[in-house]
Protein backbone atom coordinates (compact mmCIF):
# COMPACT_ATOMS: atom_id res chain seq x y z
CA MET A 1 68.81 50.74 144.74
CA GLY A 2 66.75 49.97 141.22
CA ARG A 3 70.67 49.41 139.50
CA THR A 4 70.21 45.40 139.70
CA PRO A 5 67.42 43.53 141.52
CA ASN A 6 68.66 40.25 140.89
CA PHE A 7 71.70 41.81 144.01
CA GLN A 8 68.73 42.83 146.32
CA GLU A 9 68.45 39.74 147.86
CA HIS A 10 73.16 39.70 148.39
CA TYR A 11 73.17 43.22 148.80
CA ARG A 12 70.80 45.53 151.01
CA PRO A 13 73.34 48.29 151.88
CA PHE A 14 73.59 50.27 155.04
CA PRO A 15 71.85 53.71 155.06
CA ARG A 16 75.94 55.42 154.19
CA GLN A 17 76.96 52.72 151.94
CA GLU A 18 73.42 53.21 149.93
CA ARG A 19 74.87 56.92 150.24
CA PHE A 20 78.58 56.14 149.10
CA HIS A 21 77.18 54.05 145.86
CA LEU A 22 73.99 56.89 144.65
CA SER A 23 76.78 59.63 145.12
CA PRO A 24 77.27 60.90 142.23
CA ALA A 25 81.28 62.71 142.39
CA LYS A 26 83.60 61.30 139.67
CA TYR A 27 86.25 59.94 143.16
CA ARG A 28 84.62 58.83 146.20
CA LEU A 29 86.29 58.13 148.95
CA PHE A 30 84.44 55.75 152.54
CA GLY A 31 84.91 55.11 156.25
CA GLY A 32 87.15 56.91 158.48
CA ALA A 33 86.35 55.12 161.40
CA ALA A 34 86.74 51.72 161.68
CA GLY A 35 83.58 49.13 160.71
CA PRO A 36 81.21 50.91 158.35
CA GLY A 37 81.21 47.68 156.51
CA LYS A 38 83.57 50.39 153.76
CA THR A 39 85.43 46.47 152.03
CA LYS A 40 82.02 44.72 150.89
CA ALA A 41 80.37 48.43 149.57
CA LEU A 42 83.82 48.64 148.11
CA LEU A 43 82.86 45.40 146.38
CA TRP A 44 79.66 45.71 145.32
CA GLU A 45 80.83 48.73 143.75
CA ALA A 46 82.61 47.65 141.64
CA ILE A 47 79.66 44.14 141.05
CA LEU A 48 77.11 46.70 140.15
CA GLN A 49 78.50 48.38 137.68
CA ALA A 50 80.34 45.95 135.44
CA ASN A 51 76.02 44.17 135.91
CA GLU A 52 75.18 47.91 134.73
CA VAL A 53 76.98 48.06 131.49
CA ALA A 54 78.27 45.22 129.62
CA GLY A 55 81.18 44.98 127.94
CA CYS A 56 83.03 47.19 130.58
CA ASP A 57 86.27 45.93 132.67
CA THR A 58 86.78 46.78 137.04
CA LEU A 59 89.21 46.87 138.82
CA LEU A 60 89.98 46.62 142.51
CA LEU A 61 92.85 46.27 144.05
CA ARG A 62 94.76 45.63 147.81
CA ARG A 63 98.43 47.17 148.23
CA THR A 64 99.50 43.69 148.63
CA TYR A 65 98.25 40.43 147.74
CA PRO A 66 98.07 38.94 151.29
CA GLU A 67 95.40 42.01 152.13
CA LEU A 68 93.61 41.60 148.78
CA GLU A 69 93.51 37.76 150.21
CA SER A 70 92.20 37.85 153.14
CA SER A 71 89.38 40.69 152.08
CA LEU A 72 88.23 41.71 148.67
CA LEU A 73 88.33 37.87 147.90
CA SER A 74 87.44 36.32 150.64
CA TYR A 75 84.43 38.76 150.23
CA PHE A 76 83.75 37.38 147.42
CA ARG A 77 83.76 34.18 147.28
CA ARG A 78 81.44 34.15 150.15
CA ASP A 79 79.04 36.67 148.91
CA VAL A 80 78.33 36.64 145.28
CA PRO A 81 76.39 34.04 144.37
CA ARG A 82 77.78 31.63 141.53
CA SER A 83 74.93 32.17 139.53
CA SER A 84 75.79 35.58 138.95
CA TYR A 85 79.23 35.66 136.92
CA ARG A 86 79.48 33.08 134.10
CA SER A 87 83.08 31.75 135.25
CA TYR A 88 86.49 33.67 137.24
CA ASN A 89 90.25 32.72 136.29
CA GLU A 90 91.84 31.31 139.71
CA SER A 91 96.08 32.23 138.30
CA LYS A 92 94.29 36.55 137.76
CA HIS A 93 91.80 36.73 139.77
CA VAL A 94 89.49 37.39 137.16
CA VAL A 95 85.50 37.78 137.30
CA THR A 96 83.97 37.76 133.80
CA TRP A 97 80.15 38.49 134.07
CA ASN A 98 77.04 37.70 132.32
CA ASN A 99 76.04 39.87 130.38
CA GLY A 100 80.55 40.68 129.17
CA SER A 101 81.95 42.21 131.89
CA THR A 102 85.13 41.56 134.38
CA THR A 103 85.53 42.73 137.43
CA ARG A 104 89.86 41.81 138.04
CA PHE A 105 91.15 41.42 141.57
CA GLY A 106 95.53 42.72 141.43
CA TYR A 107 97.23 44.39 144.52
CA CYS A 108 100.02 46.73 143.90
CA ARG A 109 102.79 46.09 145.90
CA ASN A 110 105.25 48.59 144.51
CA GLU A 111 104.77 52.10 143.38
CA ARG A 112 105.82 50.57 139.57
CA ASP A 113 103.21 47.69 139.91
CA VAL A 114 100.53 50.45 138.89
CA TYR A 115 102.07 50.23 135.41
CA GLN A 116 100.80 46.24 134.32
CA TYR A 117 97.58 48.13 133.90
CA GLN A 118 99.27 50.66 131.96
CA GLY A 119 96.32 50.07 128.03
CA ALA A 120 93.96 48.84 129.95
CA GLU A 121 90.40 51.05 130.64
CA PHE A 122 88.41 50.24 133.41
CA LEU A 123 84.93 51.86 133.86
CA PHE A 124 85.22 51.87 137.34
CA ILE A 125 88.57 51.43 139.86
CA GLY A 126 88.66 51.07 143.85
CA LEU A 127 91.24 51.37 146.33
CA ASP A 128 90.10 49.30 149.03
CA GLU A 129 92.44 51.25 152.73
CA LEU A 130 93.44 54.12 150.34
CA THR A 131 95.31 55.29 153.30
CA HIS A 132 98.78 52.43 151.81
CA PHE A 133 98.28 52.83 148.70
CA THR A 134 100.56 56.62 147.12
CA LEU A 135 99.78 59.65 145.46
CA LYS A 136 102.08 58.67 142.83
CA GLN A 137 99.85 55.28 142.03
CA TRP A 138 96.39 56.78 142.43
CA GLN A 139 96.81 59.84 140.27
CA PHE A 140 98.20 56.51 137.50
CA LEU A 141 95.26 54.92 137.81
CA THR A 142 93.30 58.03 137.79
CA SER A 143 95.14 57.54 133.98
CA ARG A 144 93.19 54.21 133.54
CA ASN A 145 89.09 55.25 134.10
CA ARG A 146 88.18 55.61 130.98
CA CYS A 147 84.94 53.33 129.15
CA PRO A 148 85.02 52.79 125.49
CA VAL A 149 81.82 52.01 126.10
CA ARG A 150 79.47 56.39 125.82
CA ILE A 151 75.70 55.62 126.40
CA TYR A 152 73.44 53.45 128.28
CA SER A 153 72.09 51.40 124.67
CA ASP A 154 68.70 49.79 127.24
CA GLY A 155 67.25 49.07 130.45
CA LYS A 156 66.01 52.40 132.79
CA ASN A 157 68.93 54.35 131.97
CA ALA A 158 68.68 53.77 127.69
CA GLY A 159 70.79 57.43 126.27
CA LYS A 160 71.65 58.67 129.59
CA LYS A 161 76.22 59.07 129.57
CA ILE A 162 78.35 56.06 131.34
CA VAL A 163 80.45 58.27 133.49
CA PRO A 164 83.68 56.34 135.37
CA CYS A 165 84.35 56.68 138.87
CA MET A 166 86.96 55.85 140.87
CA ALA A 167 86.65 55.01 144.38
CA GLY A 168 89.01 54.65 148.39
CA ALA A 169 88.05 52.79 150.82
CA THR A 170 90.02 53.57 154.56
CA ASN A 171 91.03 54.60 157.96
CA PRO A 172 92.86 57.61 158.96
CA GLY A 173 96.65 56.77 158.76
CA ASN A 174 99.84 54.80 157.57
CA ILE A 175 101.62 56.11 154.92
CA GLY A 176 99.14 57.96 152.86
CA HIS A 177 97.43 59.41 154.56
CA ALA A 178 98.55 62.93 153.71
CA TRP A 179 97.70 63.50 150.64
CA VAL A 180 93.62 60.97 151.56
CA LYS A 181 93.27 63.75 153.78
CA ALA A 182 94.59 66.54 152.00
CA LEU A 183 92.82 65.10 148.33
CA TRP A 184 89.31 64.22 150.09
CA VAL A 185 89.12 65.85 154.19
CA ASP A 186 90.83 69.50 153.17
CA HIS A 187 89.50 69.72 149.33
CA VAL A 188 93.42 71.66 149.45
CA PRO A 189 95.33 69.42 146.58
CA PRO A 190 98.67 67.91 148.57
CA PRO A 191 102.24 67.81 147.61
CA GLY A 192 103.56 66.25 144.94
CA PHE A 193 99.72 66.91 143.13
CA GLU A 194 101.38 67.79 139.26
CA ARG A 195 98.86 70.87 138.07
CA SER A 196 97.22 71.63 141.44
CA ASP A 197 95.68 74.35 139.47
CA LEU A 198 93.36 71.64 137.27
CA TYR A 199 92.27 70.22 141.14
CA ASP A 200 88.58 70.32 141.50
CA PRO A 201 86.89 69.26 144.78
CA GLU A 202 84.17 69.10 143.99
CA ASP A 203 85.34 66.19 142.20
CA TYR A 204 85.35 64.26 145.37
CA GLU A 205 83.19 63.65 147.91
CA PHE A 206 84.30 61.45 151.33
CA ILE A 207 80.90 59.86 153.14
CA ARG A 208 82.24 59.24 156.33
CA ALA A 209 81.11 57.17 157.89
CA ARG A 210 81.55 55.39 161.90
CA LEU A 211 80.73 52.12 163.68
CA GLU A 212 77.28 52.82 164.53
CA ASP A 213 76.92 53.68 161.18
CA ASN A 214 77.26 49.34 160.71
CA PRO A 215 73.74 47.90 162.49
CA ILE A 216 76.83 44.47 162.84
CA TYR A 217 78.56 46.12 164.62
CA ALA A 218 77.10 49.33 166.78
CA ASN A 219 75.33 47.46 169.56
CA ASP A 220 78.65 45.20 169.35
CA ALA A 221 79.88 45.73 172.81
CA GLU A 222 83.19 43.51 172.98
CA TYR A 223 84.55 45.13 169.43
CA ARG A 224 83.65 48.63 170.65
CA LYS A 225 85.51 48.03 174.02
CA VAL A 226 88.60 46.27 171.70
CA LEU A 227 89.08 49.81 169.90
CA GLN A 228 88.64 51.23 172.93
CA SER A 229 92.07 49.33 174.61
CA LEU A 230 93.21 50.51 172.06
CA PRO A 231 96.48 53.75 171.91
CA GLU A 232 95.15 57.24 172.26
CA HIS A 233 95.72 57.74 168.18
CA GLN A 234 95.19 53.69 166.65
CA ARG A 235 91.36 54.82 169.01
CA ARG A 236 90.72 58.24 168.14
CA ALA A 237 90.76 56.79 164.47
CA PHE A 238 90.13 53.26 163.69
CA LEU A 239 86.90 54.12 166.56
CA GLU A 240 86.48 58.04 166.48
CA GLY A 241 87.04 58.16 162.10
CA ASP A 242 89.67 61.38 163.45
CA TRP A 243 91.54 62.15 160.45
CA ASN A 244 93.46 65.10 162.15
CA VAL A 245 95.30 62.31 164.60
CA PHE A 246 98.02 62.03 162.74
CA ALA A 247 98.13 65.33 161.73
CA GLY A 248 102.61 66.83 160.95
CA GLN A 249 102.90 63.08 160.60
CA TYR A 250 106.93 62.97 159.98
CA PHE A 251 108.04 59.38 158.25
CA ASP A 252 105.69 61.12 155.02
CA VAL A 253 108.27 60.20 152.84
CA PHE A 254 108.26 56.91 153.58
CA ASP A 255 106.85 53.96 151.75
CA PHE A 256 106.49 50.60 151.55
CA GLY A 257 108.03 49.71 147.97
CA ARG A 258 110.43 52.42 147.85
CA HIS A 259 112.17 52.03 150.97
CA THR A 260 110.84 47.65 151.27
CA ALA A 261 112.27 44.64 149.86
CA ARG A 262 111.52 41.20 150.45
CA PRO A 263 114.24 38.77 151.61
CA GLU A 264 115.03 36.76 149.86
CA ASP A 265 115.63 39.47 146.85
CA ILE A 266 118.90 39.82 148.86
CA ARG A 267 122.51 38.78 148.94
CA LEU A 268 123.95 40.46 151.74
CA GLU A 269 127.92 39.33 151.04
CA ALA A 270 129.63 37.85 154.82
CA TRP A 271 131.99 40.69 154.39
CA TRP A 272 130.46 44.36 154.74
CA PRO A 273 129.69 45.54 157.84
CA ARG A 274 127.16 43.69 160.52
CA TRP A 275 126.28 45.17 163.06
CA ILE A 276 122.88 45.09 165.53
CA SER A 277 120.77 47.18 167.47
CA VAL A 278 118.27 47.11 170.41
CA ASP A 279 116.43 49.06 172.55
CA TRP A 280 115.53 47.32 175.48
CA GLY A 281 112.63 47.42 177.32
CA PHE A 282 110.07 44.74 180.12
CA GLN A 283 106.58 45.97 180.78
CA HIS A 284 106.98 47.94 177.03
CA PRO A 285 108.78 44.88 173.94
CA SER A 286 112.64 44.98 173.89
CA ALA A 287 113.64 45.91 170.07
CA VAL A 288 116.56 44.62 167.69
CA TYR A 289 116.89 44.73 164.32
CA TRP A 290 120.31 44.09 162.35
CA HIS A 291 121.53 46.00 160.10
CA CYS A 292 124.38 45.35 156.14
CA ALA A 293 126.01 48.41 155.38
CA VAL A 294 126.08 48.28 150.65
CA PRO A 295 128.88 49.74 149.28
CA GLY A 296 127.86 52.56 147.57
CA THR A 297 129.98 50.23 144.47
CA VAL A 298 127.10 47.95 144.90
CA ALA A 299 124.31 49.75 146.00
CA GLN A 300 124.15 52.29 142.20
CA ALA A 301 123.27 49.13 141.52
CA PHE A 302 120.15 48.58 143.63
CA ARG A 303 116.89 50.39 142.03
CA PRO A 304 115.12 52.70 144.04
CA GLU A 305 112.00 50.47 144.25
CA GLY A 306 112.75 47.58 145.91
CA PHE A 307 115.62 44.47 144.74
CA SER A 308 115.77 41.83 142.34
CA SER A 309 118.98 39.19 142.36
CA SER A 310 119.60 40.71 138.93
CA SER A 311 120.14 44.20 141.10
CA MET A 312 122.75 42.85 143.32
CA GLN A 313 126.71 42.85 140.89
CA SER A 314 127.76 39.41 140.62
CA ALA A 315 131.75 38.43 141.63
CA SER A 316 132.13 37.59 137.65
CA GLU A 317 129.73 40.97 136.98
CA ARG A 318 132.94 43.06 139.14
CA LYS A 319 135.12 41.99 137.25
CA LYS A 320 134.54 43.52 134.82
CA LEU A 321 134.34 47.75 135.69
CA THR A 322 136.37 49.24 134.38
CA PRO A 323 137.65 52.11 135.61
CA GLU A 324 134.75 54.24 133.29
CA GLY A 325 132.70 52.19 134.87
CA VAL A 326 133.04 52.19 137.99
CA SER A 327 130.30 55.24 139.74
CA PHE A 328 130.87 57.62 142.63
CA SER A 329 128.13 59.16 142.72
CA ASN A 330 125.88 57.16 144.91
CA PRO A 331 126.78 57.00 148.57
CA PRO A 332 126.87 52.90 150.29
CA ARG A 333 122.50 51.97 151.74
CA ILE A 334 121.95 50.99 155.39
CA ILE A 335 119.74 48.13 155.28
CA THR A 336 117.78 46.35 157.87
CA TYR A 337 117.25 42.70 157.41
CA ARG A 338 116.45 41.25 160.31
CA GLU A 339 113.29 42.13 163.90
CA PHE A 340 113.04 40.95 167.27
CA VAL A 341 110.22 42.48 169.21
CA GLN A 342 109.02 41.42 172.66
CA ASN A 343 108.03 42.64 176.22
CA GLY A 344 108.01 40.55 178.60
CA LEU A 345 112.22 39.40 178.82
CA SER A 346 114.79 39.67 181.33
CA PRO A 347 118.15 40.90 179.88
CA ARG A 348 119.83 37.18 179.24
CA MET A 349 116.99 35.82 178.58
CA LEU A 350 117.02 39.09 175.96
CA ALA A 351 120.72 38.51 175.13
CA GLN A 352 120.96 34.82 174.06
CA ALA A 353 117.12 34.92 171.69
CA ILE A 354 119.14 37.69 170.17
CA ALA A 355 122.23 35.40 170.45
CA GLU A 356 120.01 32.61 168.10
CA ARG A 357 119.22 34.80 166.05
CA SER A 358 122.41 36.02 165.00
CA GLY A 359 123.23 32.73 164.35
CA ARG A 360 127.52 33.03 162.93
CA GLU A 361 127.32 35.93 161.54
CA ALA A 362 130.66 38.69 162.10
CA LEU A 363 128.73 41.59 163.82
CA SER A 364 130.64 44.51 164.57
CA GLU A 365 129.11 46.32 166.80
CA VAL A 366 125.86 45.95 169.01
CA PHE A 367 124.39 48.98 169.67
CA LEU A 368 122.36 49.65 173.17
CA SER A 369 119.48 52.23 174.98
CA PRO A 370 121.80 54.23 176.69
CA ASP A 371 119.55 54.05 179.86
CA ALA A 372 119.99 50.08 179.86
CA PHE A 373 123.44 50.87 181.79
CA ALA A 374 122.46 53.53 184.25
CA HIS A 375 119.03 51.01 185.16
CA ARG A 376 120.51 47.65 187.81
CA THR A 377 117.57 45.02 187.65
CA SER A 378 120.21 43.25 190.28
CA GLU A 379 123.76 43.06 191.12
CA ALA A 380 124.61 44.17 187.25
CA SER A 381 122.80 47.07 185.35
CA ILE A 382 121.26 45.75 182.22
CA ALA A 383 123.83 46.42 179.79
CA GLU A 384 126.25 44.16 181.84
CA GLN A 385 123.51 40.71 181.75
CA LEU A 386 123.27 41.21 178.56
CA GLY A 387 126.80 41.67 177.75
CA ASP A 388 127.79 38.47 179.59
CA VAL A 389 125.26 36.42 177.68
CA LEU A 390 126.20 37.84 173.92
CA VAL A 391 129.96 37.28 174.96
CA ALA A 392 129.59 34.13 175.66
CA ASN A 393 128.04 33.53 172.56
CA GLY A 394 131.14 35.40 170.47
CA LEU A 395 129.28 38.89 169.76
CA PRO A 396 129.80 41.52 170.81
CA ARG A 397 129.45 43.36 174.28
CA PRO A 398 126.92 46.69 174.03
CA THR A 399 128.03 49.94 173.74
CA PRO A 400 125.90 53.30 174.41
CA ALA A 401 124.01 54.19 170.94
CA ASP A 402 124.17 57.67 169.83
CA ASP A 403 120.45 58.83 171.86
CA ASP A 404 120.39 62.39 170.08
CA ARG A 405 116.33 61.64 169.46
CA ILE A 406 116.20 65.46 166.74
CA GLY A 407 119.69 64.71 165.15
CA GLY A 408 118.27 60.77 165.08
CA TRP A 409 115.02 61.27 163.46
CA GLN A 410 116.40 64.08 160.51
CA PHE A 411 118.74 61.68 159.96
CA MET A 412 117.00 58.46 159.14
CA TYR A 413 114.27 60.93 157.11
CA GLN A 414 117.18 61.98 155.21
CA MET A 415 118.35 58.03 154.79
CA LEU A 416 114.50 58.13 153.24
CA GLU A 417 114.91 60.66 151.43
CA SER A 418 117.65 58.83 149.60
CA ASP A 419 117.63 56.18 149.24
CA ALA A 420 120.34 54.83 150.98
CA TRP A 421 117.88 53.52 153.88
CA VAL A 422 115.88 50.03 152.25
CA ILE A 423 113.72 47.54 155.55
CA THR A 424 113.37 44.08 154.72
CA ASP A 425 109.64 43.04 154.78
CA ASN A 426 109.93 40.39 157.32
CA CYS A 427 110.92 43.50 159.81
CA ALA A 428 107.21 44.17 159.88
CA LYS A 429 106.66 45.86 162.99
CA LEU A 430 109.48 48.17 162.34
CA ILE A 431 107.19 49.28 158.76
CA ASP A 432 103.79 49.50 160.12
CA CYS A 433 105.36 51.95 163.51
CA LEU A 434 107.51 54.62 160.82
CA PRO A 435 103.49 55.77 158.96
CA LEU A 436 102.22 56.63 162.22
CA LEU A 437 104.29 58.58 163.93
CA VAL A 438 103.73 62.69 164.16
CA ARG A 439 105.57 65.26 165.71
CA ASP A 440 105.29 66.55 169.42
CA ASP A 441 103.32 69.56 169.69
CA ARG A 442 105.26 71.12 172.40
CA ARG A 443 108.51 70.40 170.62
CA ILE A 444 107.60 70.41 166.85
CA GLU A 445 111.53 69.20 165.94
CA ASP A 446 110.54 66.03 167.79
CA ILE A 447 108.63 62.61 167.52
CA ARG A 448 105.54 62.49 169.95
CA LYS A 449 106.07 59.37 172.54
CA VAL A 450 103.23 56.89 171.74
CA ASP A 451 103.44 53.21 172.76
CA GLY A 452 105.15 50.46 170.40
CA ASP A 453 107.28 53.10 169.20
CA ASP A 454 110.09 51.29 170.53
CA PRO A 455 111.37 49.81 166.67
CA ALA A 456 111.04 52.77 165.77
CA ASP A 457 114.19 53.93 168.33
CA ALA A 458 116.14 51.22 168.01
CA ALA A 459 116.60 51.76 164.50
CA ARG A 460 117.16 55.02 164.92
CA TYR A 461 119.58 53.43 167.23
CA GLY A 462 120.88 51.84 164.37
CA LEU A 463 121.16 53.77 161.39
CA VAL A 464 123.31 57.32 163.23
CA SER A 465 125.27 54.93 165.83
CA GLY A 466 125.85 52.01 162.43
CA GLY A 467 126.22 55.57 160.28
CA ARG A 468 130.71 55.45 160.63
CA LEU A 469 130.67 51.71 160.35
CA ALA A 470 128.73 52.25 156.71
CA GLY A 471 130.03 54.98 155.41
CA VAL A 472 127.58 57.02 156.25
CA GLY A 473 126.70 60.13 158.64
CA ALA A 474 126.93 63.36 159.89
CA THR A 475 130.43 64.95 159.21
CA SER A 476 133.12 65.05 161.97
CA PRO A 477 136.73 67.03 161.77
CA ALA A 478 139.08 64.95 160.98
CA GLN A 479 137.20 64.19 157.26
CA ALA A 480 136.26 67.89 157.25
CA GLY A 481 138.62 67.76 154.22
CA PHE A 482 137.87 65.52 152.41
CA GLY A 483 134.45 66.86 151.50
CA TRP A 484 131.58 64.57 153.24
CA SER A 485 129.25 67.29 154.33
CA ARG A 486 126.15 65.89 153.48
CA ALA A 487 125.03 62.68 155.67
CA GLY A 488 124.91 59.37 153.17
CA GLN A 489 128.55 60.39 150.89
CA PRO A 490 130.59 57.35 151.31
CA PRO A 491 133.95 58.20 152.72
CA PRO A 492 136.74 56.94 150.07
CA LEU A 493 138.79 54.03 151.59
CA ASN A 494 142.60 56.45 151.86
CA ARG A 495 142.46 59.96 150.39
CA ALA A 496 144.20 60.76 147.18
CA GLY A 497 148.39 60.28 147.22
CA SER A 498 148.20 58.48 150.56
CA ALA A 499 148.77 55.37 151.09
CA ALA A 500 146.66 52.01 149.68
CA GLN A 501 144.86 50.10 151.86
CA PHE A 502 143.79 46.63 151.78
CA VAL A 503 142.44 44.17 154.06
CA THR A 504 141.25 40.22 153.40
CA GLY A 505 137.86 38.81 152.80
CA MET A 506 136.80 41.69 150.09
CA PRO A 507 137.13 41.59 146.42
CA LEU A 508 139.54 43.29 145.74
CA ASP A 509 137.84 45.07 142.50
CA GLU A 510 136.15 47.14 144.97
CA GLN A 511 137.97 47.59 147.37
CA ILE A 512 140.04 49.40 143.97
CA ALA A 513 137.33 50.89 142.93
CA ARG A 514 136.29 52.62 146.76
CA GLN A 515 139.86 54.15 146.79
CA VAL A 516 140.17 55.73 143.09
CA SER A 517 139.51 59.90 143.88
CA ALA A 518 140.41 60.41 140.14
CA THR A 519 136.37 61.66 137.69
CA ASP A 520 138.97 62.59 134.42
CA ALA A 521 139.18 58.61 132.79
CA SER A 522 142.78 58.38 132.22
CA SER A 523 143.78 59.62 136.02
CA ARG A 524 141.26 56.27 136.96
CA ALA A 525 143.13 53.87 134.95
CA ILE A 526 146.55 55.13 135.47
CA HIS A 527 145.29 55.01 139.83
CA PHE A 528 143.64 51.57 139.30
CA GLN A 529 146.89 49.65 138.28
CA ARG A 530 148.97 51.60 140.39
CA LEU A 531 147.19 50.69 142.88
CA GLU A 532 146.42 46.89 141.18
CA ALA A 533 150.08 46.63 141.08
CA GLU A 534 150.22 48.13 145.44
CA ALA A 535 147.50 45.42 145.87
CA LYS A 536 149.91 41.68 143.88
CA LYS A 537 152.91 43.70 146.68
CA PHE A 538 150.08 43.58 149.84
CA PHE A 539 148.79 39.81 148.75
CA ARG A 540 151.89 38.37 147.34
CA PRO A 541 152.81 35.27 149.58
CA LYS A 542 155.64 36.80 152.55
CA PRO A 543 159.10 34.11 152.89
CA LEU A 544 159.90 32.48 155.46
CA PRO A 545 161.29 33.73 157.68
CA ARG A 546 165.41 32.15 156.99
CA ARG A 547 165.77 30.11 160.00
CA ARG A 548 169.61 30.76 162.30
CA TRP A 549 172.24 27.49 162.52
């Protein structure tokens, strides 16, 4: 390579890796298929640049910390000799090299996490599995790609200008597939690329690599067999590096971090509506999801990118709400908070598994794929067998889910687009599934049926059929006079001027807030006072009946 001779005994790049290292492009993309040594090349690019320019900083990123730990950090600990660097800070994941340069290992789970690097300057930034990142994250990081050192001061490069650069390594697929393909494969600015007139395709070079470019795996028949046995779209992506396999990605708005949240950061109140959706299968997996509706008066406090315990209004905070402080511009949200996906289960075994995971939760409905009501495995339909076990465990008997595929996919897209649907991180199969769904060539409004799409079907049942429990969904004729024409807008509990409605088990101030329809402050205050008075009457202890002698 001719860059840092003392590392050659520890890293001897393959021809495609060397092509990657020698590329003069400002932004490089390496990979395509699985197995060509993408991650290792990215790691050593950062190491080589840090050791070539004294006093500079370099940065390596993955989307999540577990991914960082199992890839870049693992390779660093295994392959880089201790004598080659001055120190390694385990808590900050920062390597300080013998020449004073540093390499930082980081992760950006949410879009806002990139701001932790605001103010920093990095000679080189490498993003492993680039398609796991969003365009906004990439564009922000390009602003951090600069170096205070301008000219090489010694060595064979003395007097030459130092050029900051960035690189990504990835396979096709995942949430960033569309924008990565546009920039490096199609050489066009993707949607959302600000100042597309400044896009220069000469800045972007794609170094395509496949399995056979890595001598270690080129003749590994077992590994090749594993890749060949994958479902078609994954086989074409991982074995052939085919970037067209995910052309027509349906849920191109889905973003890990924006539409996901950690389960421990969410507090779901017991009185909020909850329901289950089930897509039954035997050879194919059965997929089950648990959903909860978060009222709009609480959902408005949620930030678009994930949740935190501080985002949820406490009971004391709800009591402080004034008529002027309550907003009705935010719709309620649906939280999909639990997942169970497994094949080979009989209907009764599946129902028992659902009951065990539901515990003592108050569940309003169980929406089941319609074919389960017709398909019989013995003396009873699948739905009847499921229902018998569910009812015995105190759960509702299943009802047929709405199976309008095209309308359902469109509704799911709208929910994501408006930040009205959030999925907790423990629903891993659903999160992995959504970015891989593509449009059907023969029916462009629909999604192509592929192996592994069961989680998406089950989630669709839950959102469309359970939407009415959350106050979201298509407008019904009875609702037409209320102006709830857009999916995602919550209906109030009652129409203005009608009798107030109250229930037990739900905070009173929240019930009142949902029933105030006036917009100006004075009218809202009057409406609040009237509802508070009616609530006192509703919850007043009823007198005991007089005994007749």
